C-alpha cells in the first residue's frame, strides 16, 4: 500500500525522558488520520519529526516519498503545519503575513497577493487583512495561523490541536475546510483534545500513550473496544427514570445507569432485546422522549484504553 506519510519505530528521547518509544503511524492519500492521546503522550513530538523540525533518535519516517532526515527540504515543499500556538509575525498585517509566506515559497509577489486574498476570504478574515496580527483576537489569530499553513497548497497537512481557542461555529468552519481538502486529495494528520472532532473527521484513528501506539482503527473499531452496544432511554417524565432503570435491568440482566437529565443506558450484547424493552416500557406506562441503540462513544473508548477520563487529558 502507498502511504502519503509513514513512520516506523520512531524513538525520541529528551535526557532521561522518552517521548516516543517505537511509534508507528501511516495514512493513505486523501484521508484524515486522527492521533489521540493524553497530554505528554508524544503527539506533538511525532508531528515535529514528520515536519522535519526534529530528528528521531531511532526509526524512520517518510513523507510524500521522501525521508524526513535525508531529504528534509523536499518534505517541506509538500507539507503545511499548524502547531498548537500561533506563529505569525505580530508586526505584520494578516495580508502581509500570508504574502511573506508565499514569497518564501518562491511565489511571485502578485501570485502571493492573490493567494493571500483567497485565504482571507476562505477564513473570513477580510476585515483583518489590513490589521496587524498583534491586535487580532485569539480566534482570529488562530484562523490566520491555519491560513498560513495552506499558502503553498500542501499535499500533506499536519494540524496539531488546530481548533484550540476557536468557538464552536469556527470549529465547524474548520471541519468543513478539512473535508474539502481531503476531497481534493490532501492528506491530514490531526491531533485533537476533542474526541467528537476525531469522530467527525478521522477516517482512521491511532491512540498513543507514553510514546507508543496502543490502538488503531476506524472510529467504529475503537468504539467496539468498550464492548457491545447500549440501549439509551429517556422518559418524557423524568420522575419515571427509576422505573425505566428497573425495566432495563430486568430485560438486559445488567446494571442500568442514569447518566444525564433523565437519560438511562444499559449495555446489551445484541439488538434482539429491543422489542421486549419496548413492550415492558409500554406496560409500565412510560412514554419516551428518546429511545436508541448506540455504540459506545470515543470518550468511553479512550478511557477504556488509557485509563484516563476526559478531564484527565486536559
Protein backbone atom coordinates (compact mmCIF):
# COMPACT_ATOMS: atom_id res chain seq x y z
CA UNK A 1 0.00 0.00 0.00
CA UNK A 2 1.26 3.50 -0.86
CA UNK A 3 1.16 5.92 2.06
CA UNK A 4 1.17 9.70 1.96
CA UNK A 5 3.30 9.52 5.08
CA UNK A 6 4.58 6.66 7.19
CA UNK A 7 6.59 6.43 10.39
CA UNK A 8 8.09 3.21 11.68
CA UNK A 9 9.60 2.63 15.10
CA UNK A 10 10.09 6.30 15.99
CA UNK A 11 12.06 6.84 19.17
CA UNK A 12 12.83 10.23 20.67
CA UNK A 13 14.48 10.92 24.00
CA UNK A 14 14.95 14.16 25.90
CA UNK A 15 17.56 13.37 28.51
CA UNK A 16 16.13 10.66 30.71
CA UNK A 17 12.62 11.13 29.36
CA UNK A 18 11.48 9.02 26.40
CA UNK A 19 8.85 10.93 24.42
CA UNK A 20 8.42 8.29 21.71
CA UNK A 21 9.17 4.61 22.22
CA UNK A 22 8.73 2.88 18.87
CA UNK A 23 5.77 4.73 17.38
CA UNK A 24 4.25 3.62 14.06
CA UNK A 25 1.94 5.93 12.07
CA UNK A 26 0.68 5.90 8.49
CA UNK A 27 -2.02 7.45 6.31
CA UNK A 28 -3.08 7.00 2.70
CA UNK A 29 -3.62 9.96 0.39
CA UNK A 30 -6.80 11.96 0.79
CA UNK A 31 -7.61 10.70 4.29
CA UNK A 32 -7.57 12.09 7.82
CA UNK A 33 -5.51 10.29 10.45
CA UNK A 34 -6.60 11.30 13.93
CA UNK A 35 -3.94 10.94 16.62
CA UNK A 36 -5.36 10.87 20.13
CA UNK A 37 -3.63 10.59 23.45
CA UNK A 38 -3.35 12.22 26.88
CA UNK A 39 -1.10 15.21 27.43
CA UNK A 40 2.52 14.12 27.22
CA UNK A 41 1.74 11.05 25.11
CA UNK A 42 4.07 12.18 22.31
CA UNK A 43 1.63 13.58 19.75
CA UNK A 44 3.43 16.88 19.17
CA UNK A 45 6.83 15.20 19.12
CA UNK A 46 5.63 12.87 16.36
CA UNK A 47 4.37 15.80 14.29
CA UNK A 48 7.63 17.71 14.74
CA UNK A 49 9.58 14.73 13.43
CA UNK A 50 7.28 14.29 10.43
CA UNK A 51 7.54 18.02 9.71
CA UNK A 52 11.38 17.85 9.77
CA UNK A 53 11.60 20.10 12.84
CA UNK A 54 13.20 17.37 14.91
CA UNK A 55 15.31 14.30 14.15
CA UNK A 56 14.32 10.93 15.60
CA UNK A 57 16.86 9.05 17.70
CA UNK A 58 15.72 5.80 16.14
CA UNK A 59 13.25 4.73 13.49
CA UNK A 60 12.35 6.14 10.10
CA UNK A 61 9.72 8.49 8.68
CA UNK A 62 8.83 9.06 5.02
CA UNK A 63 6.58 11.92 3.89
CA UNK A 64 5.47 12.21 0.29
CA UNK A 65 8.03 9.57 -0.65
CA UNK A 66 10.98 11.42 0.95
CA UNK A 67 12.86 10.50 4.10
CA UNK A 68 12.50 13.29 6.66
CA UNK A 69 16.15 13.03 7.73
CA UNK A 70 17.92 12.66 4.40
CA UNK A 71 15.63 14.89 2.28
CA UNK A 72 14.07 17.45 4.66
CA UNK A 73 13.92 20.24 2.07
CA UNK A 74 11.90 18.04 -0.29
CA UNK A 75 9.50 17.17 2.50
CA UNK A 76 8.99 20.84 3.44
CA UNK A 77 7.85 21.59 -0.11
CA UNK A 78 4.99 19.15 0.30
CA UNK A 79 3.63 19.93 3.76
CA UNK A 80 1.72 22.50 5.73
CA UNK A 81 1.94 22.72 9.52
CA UNK A 82 -0.22 24.36 12.15
CA UNK A 83 1.16 23.96 15.65
CA UNK A 84 -0.59 24.41 18.97
CA UNK A 85 0.34 28.09 19.18
CA UNK A 86 0.16 30.93 16.69
CA UNK A 87 3.45 31.56 14.88
CA UNK A 88 2.59 34.57 12.73
CA UNK A 89 4.63 37.79 12.77
CA UNK A 90 2.77 40.13 15.10
CA UNK A 91 4.17 43.28 13.49
CA UNK A 92 2.80 42.39 10.05
CA UNK A 93 -0.81 42.58 8.93
CA UNK A 94 -2.72 39.39 8.20
CA UNK A 95 -2.33 40.06 4.46
CA UNK A 96 1.39 40.74 4.82
CA UNK A 97 1.92 37.52 6.78
CA UNK A 98 0.32 35.49 4.02
CA UNK A 99 2.24 37.28 1.26
CA UNK A 100 5.53 36.83 3.12
CA UNK A 101 4.99 33.08 3.37
CA UNK A 102 4.01 32.91 -0.28
CA UNK A 103 7.21 34.65 -1.32
CA UNK A 104 9.27 32.37 0.92
CA UNK A 105 7.72 29.56 -1.10
CA UNK A 106 9.04 31.22 -4.30
CA UNK A 107 5.74 32.71 -5.40
CA UNK A 108 5.86 35.95 -7.36
CA UNK A 109 4.53 38.90 -5.37
CA UNK A 110 1.34 39.14 -7.44
CA UNK A 111 0.69 35.41 -7.07
CA UNK A 112 1.33 35.57 -3.33
CA UNK A 113 -1.05 38.52 -3.02
CA UNK A 114 -3.77 36.71 -4.94
CA UNK A 115 -3.36 33.62 -2.75
CA UNK A 116 -3.47 35.80 0.37
CA UNK A 117 -6.76 37.39 -0.73
CA UNK A 118 -8.18 33.94 -1.45
CA UNK A 119 -7.29 32.63 2.01
CA UNK A 120 -8.53 35.76 3.79
CA UNK A 121 -11.92 35.19 2.15
CA UNK A 122 -11.86 31.48 2.90
CA UNK A 123 -11.19 32.08 6.59
CA UNK A 124 -13.50 35.11 6.87
CA UNK A 125 -10.57 37.39 7.65
CA UNK A 126 -11.09 40.12 5.02
CA UNK A 127 -11.50 42.86 7.63
CA UNK A 128 -8.38 41.63 9.44
CA UNK A 129 -6.31 41.77 6.29
CA UNK A 130 -5.08 45.29 7.00
CA UNK A 131 -4.71 44.86 10.76
CA UNK A 132 -1.51 43.87 12.49
CA UNK A 133 -1.59 40.35 13.90
CA UNK A 134 -0.84 41.74 17.38
CA UNK A 135 -4.28 43.39 17.62
CA UNK A 136 -6.31 40.40 16.37
CA UNK A 137 -8.42 38.35 18.76
CA UNK A 138 -7.18 34.91 19.77
CA UNK A 139 -9.66 33.19 17.48
CA UNK A 140 -8.73 35.38 14.50
CA UNK A 141 -5.02 34.77 15.07
CA UNK A 142 -5.70 31.06 15.18
CA UNK A 143 -7.54 31.20 11.87
CA UNK A 144 -4.70 33.24 10.37
CA UNK A 145 -2.21 30.63 11.56
CA UNK A 146 -4.25 27.95 9.80
CA UNK A 147 -4.41 30.02 6.64
CA UNK A 148 -0.63 30.50 6.68
CA UNK A 149 -0.11 26.73 6.67
CA UNK A 150 -2.14 26.42 3.45
CA UNK A 151 -0.49 29.15 1.39
CA UNK A 152 1.56 26.68 -0.64
CA UNK A 153 -1.38 24.34 -1.33
CA UNK A 154 0.35 21.48 0.50
CA UNK A 155 -0.30 17.84 -0.31
CA UNK A 156 0.01 16.85 3.35
CA UNK A 157 -1.12 18.96 6.30
CA UNK A 158 -0.21 18.44 9.95
CA UNK A 159 -2.73 20.00 12.32
CA UNK A 160 -1.69 19.92 15.98
CA UNK A 161 -4.82 20.68 18.01
CA UNK A 162 -5.93 23.22 15.38
CA UNK A 163 -9.28 24.21 16.89
CA UNK A 164 -7.98 25.07 20.36
CA UNK A 165 -9.33 28.53 21.18
CA UNK A 166 -11.97 28.53 18.44
CA UNK A 167 -15.65 28.87 19.26
CA UNK A 168 -18.00 26.04 18.14
CA UNK A 169 -19.02 27.88 14.96
CA UNK A 170 -15.41 28.41 13.87
CA UNK A 171 -14.61 24.79 14.69
CA UNK A 172 -17.37 23.74 12.30
CA UNK A 173 -15.86 26.02 9.66
CA UNK A 174 -12.50 24.29 10.06
CA UNK A 175 -14.14 20.88 9.86
CA UNK A 176 -15.69 21.85 6.53
CA UNK A 177 -12.31 23.06 5.30
CA UNK A 178 -10.64 19.76 6.27
CA UNK A 179 -13.33 17.81 4.44
CA UNK A 180 -12.84 20.00 1.38
CA UNK A 181 -9.09 19.46 1.45
CA UNK A 182 -9.35 15.68 1.70
CA UNK A 183 -11.93 15.62 -1.11
CA UNK A 184 -9.24 17.29 -3.25
CA UNK A 185 -6.69 14.61 -2.30
CA UNK A 186 -4.90 16.34 0.60
CA UNK A 187 -3.83 14.09 3.47
CA UNK A 188 -4.30 15.38 7.03
CA UNK A 189 -2.78 14.31 10.32
CA UNK A 190 -4.93 15.74 13.11
CA UNK A 191 -4.19 15.75 16.81
CA UNK A 192 -7.03 16.98 18.96
CA UNK A 193 -8.30 17.18 22.53
CA UNK A 194 -11.88 16.95 21.23
CA UNK A 195 -12.86 13.33 20.68
CA UNK A 196 -16.01 14.40 18.87
CA UNK A 197 -13.72 16.18 16.40
CA UNK A 198 -11.83 12.98 15.66
CA UNK A 199 -15.13 11.13 15.39
CA UNK A 200 -16.42 13.68 12.88
CA UNK A 201 -13.29 13.94 10.72
CA UNK A 202 -10.96 10.97 11.02
CA UNK A 203 -11.01 8.06 8.60
CA UNK A 204 -8.56 6.25 10.86
CA UNK A 205 -7.52 6.88 14.46
CA UNK A 206 -4.33 5.99 16.31
CA UNK A 207 -4.41 6.21 20.10
CA UNK A 208 -0.99 6.73 21.64
CA UNK A 209 0.12 6.69 25.25
CA UNK A 210 3.61 7.00 26.71
CA UNK A 211 5.08 7.37 23.25
CA UNK A 212 3.67 4.24 21.63
CA UNK A 213 0.52 3.24 19.78
CA UNK A 214 -1.90 1.30 21.97
CA UNK A 215 -4.76 1.01 19.48
CA UNK A 216 -5.66 1.96 15.94
CA UNK A 217 -8.63 1.57 13.65
CA UNK A 218 -11.68 3.41 12.40
CA UNK A 219 -13.78 5.35 14.94
CA UNK A 220 -16.28 2.47 14.88
CA UNK A 221 -13.49 -0.05 15.52
CA UNK A 222 -12.33 1.82 18.60
CA UNK A 223 -15.84 2.17 19.98
CA UNK A 224 -16.17 -1.60 19.83
CA UNK A 225 -13.24 -1.88 22.24
CA UNK A 226 -15.53 -0.84 25.08
CA UNK A 227 -17.68 -3.84 24.23
CA UNK A 228 -21.05 -4.26 22.60
CA UNK A 229 -23.85 -1.78 22.31
CA UNK A 230 -26.02 0.16 24.70
CA UNK A 231 -29.73 0.95 24.86
CA UNK A 232 -30.43 4.60 25.66
CA UNK A 233 -33.81 5.61 27.09
CA UNK A 234 -35.13 8.99 28.22
CA UNK A 235 -38.69 9.07 29.65
CA UNK A 236 -40.87 12.09 28.90
CA UNK A 237 -41.47 12.34 32.65
CA UNK A 238 -38.09 12.46 34.48
CA UNK A 239 -39.82 11.10 37.61
CA UNK A 240 -40.18 7.76 35.80
CA UNK A 241 -36.42 7.37 35.44
CA UNK A 242 -36.17 4.89 38.33
CA UNK A 243 -38.91 2.73 36.81
CA UNK A 244 -37.10 2.78 33.46
CA UNK A 245 -33.92 1.66 35.23
CA UNK A 246 -35.78 -1.33 36.71
CA UNK A 247 -37.24 -2.32 33.33
CA UNK A 248 -33.92 -2.15 31.52
CA UNK A 249 -32.14 -4.16 34.23
CA UNK A 250 -34.81 -6.87 34.15
CA UNK A 251 -34.57 -7.28 30.39
CA UNK A 252 -30.82 -6.87 29.91
CA UNK A 253 -29.77 -8.66 33.08
CA UNK A 254 -27.18 -5.95 33.69
CA UNK A 255 -26.94 -2.79 35.73
CA UNK A 256 -28.57 0.24 34.11
CA UNK A 257 -27.16 3.70 34.79
CA UNK A 258 -28.89 7.11 34.86
CA UNK A 259 -26.36 9.27 33.03
CA UNK A 260 -27.75 12.76 32.47
CA UNK A 261 -31.06 14.62 32.78
CA UNK A 262 -33.22 11.55 33.00
CA UNK A 263 -31.30 9.53 30.41
CA UNK A 264 -30.78 5.86 31.24
CA UNK A 265 -28.37 3.49 29.49
CA UNK A 266 -27.68 -0.23 29.77
CA UNK A 267 -25.18 -2.38 27.84
CA UNK A 268 -26.57 -5.23 25.71
CA UNK A 269 -24.97 -8.00 23.68
CA UNK A 270 -27.21 -7.54 20.63
CA UNK A 271 -30.37 -5.84 19.43
CA UNK A 272 -32.73 -8.80 19.91
CA UNK A 273 -33.82 -7.45 23.29
CA UNK A 274 -35.23 -4.24 21.79
CA UNK A 275 -38.83 -5.50 21.22
CA UNK A 276 -39.07 -6.77 24.80
CA UNK A 277 -37.71 -3.49 26.17
CA UNK A 278 -40.33 -1.53 24.23
CA UNK A 279 -43.13 -3.85 25.40
CA UNK A 280 -42.05 -3.66 29.06
CA UNK A 281 -41.76 0.13 28.97
CA UNK A 282 -45.22 0.41 27.40
CA UNK A 283 -46.65 -1.95 30.03
CA UNK A 284 -45.17 0.30 32.70
CA UNK A 285 -46.91 3.26 31.01
CA UNK A 286 -43.61 5.00 30.35
CA UNK A 287 -43.76 7.44 27.45
CA UNK A 288 -40.39 8.02 25.78
CA UNK A 289 -38.72 11.20 24.59
CA UNK A 290 -35.71 9.19 23.38
CA UNK A 291 -35.02 5.56 22.57
CA UNK A 292 -31.92 4.39 20.73
CA UNK A 293 -29.30 1.69 20.34
CA UNK A 294 -25.78 3.05 20.08
CA UNK A 295 -22.14 2.08 20.09
CA UNK A 296 -20.01 3.43 22.93
CA UNK A 297 -18.56 6.91 22.43
CA UNK A 298 -14.93 7.65 21.64
CA UNK A 299 -14.70 9.16 25.12
CA UNK A 300 -15.60 5.77 26.59
CA UNK A 301 -13.16 4.01 24.27
CA UNK A 302 -10.39 6.46 25.19
CA UNK A 303 -10.97 5.85 28.88
CA UNK A 304 -11.01 2.07 28.38
CA UNK A 305 -7.69 2.23 26.50
CA UNK A 306 -5.75 4.73 28.61
CA UNK A 307 -7.49 4.65 31.99
CA UNK A 308 -7.82 8.44 31.78
CA UNK A 309 -11.06 10.40 31.75
CA UNK A 310 -11.70 13.41 29.53
CA UNK A 311 -10.86 15.71 32.44
CA UNK A 312 -7.50 13.99 32.95
CA UNK A 313 -6.48 14.75 29.37
CA UNK A 314 -6.57 18.49 29.94
